[in-house]
Amino acid sequence: QVQLVESGGGLVQPGGSLRLSCAASGIIFSIFTMGWYRQAPGKQRELVAAITHGGSTNYADSVKGRFTISRDNAKNTVYLQMNSLKPEDTAVYYCSAGNYWGKGTRVTVSS
């Protein structure tokens, strides 16, 4: 079956960095547009970044210049490098592939 497994979340101080990973199985990874979404407490889930099978990317305005999405088709993995983290980046981060979702990894930015 399809599995998307996120990892790399945790507690980080403002200004710090984290790298999230999402390992996919059960899909032909290379043909999917992969996305990272996040959901903060009391808020709707929002798109953070996406990368097409061809490597084109798009970002939410709030993370442009700070976050970078990338993919390794040989490893069936998509990454989200998050730099200059802010408290407002605190959320559960989810990986998506089409209609498939992972269970999320929590990111907390706090001093």
Foldseek 3Di string as FASTA:
>chain_A
DKAWAKDWADEAAQQAKIKMKIAIPPDQLLQWWKFKWWDDPPGDIDTAKIAGSVGDMDGDPVQPPFWDWDDDSVRNMIMIIGGRDDQVVFTWMWMDTVPDIHPTDTHGYHD
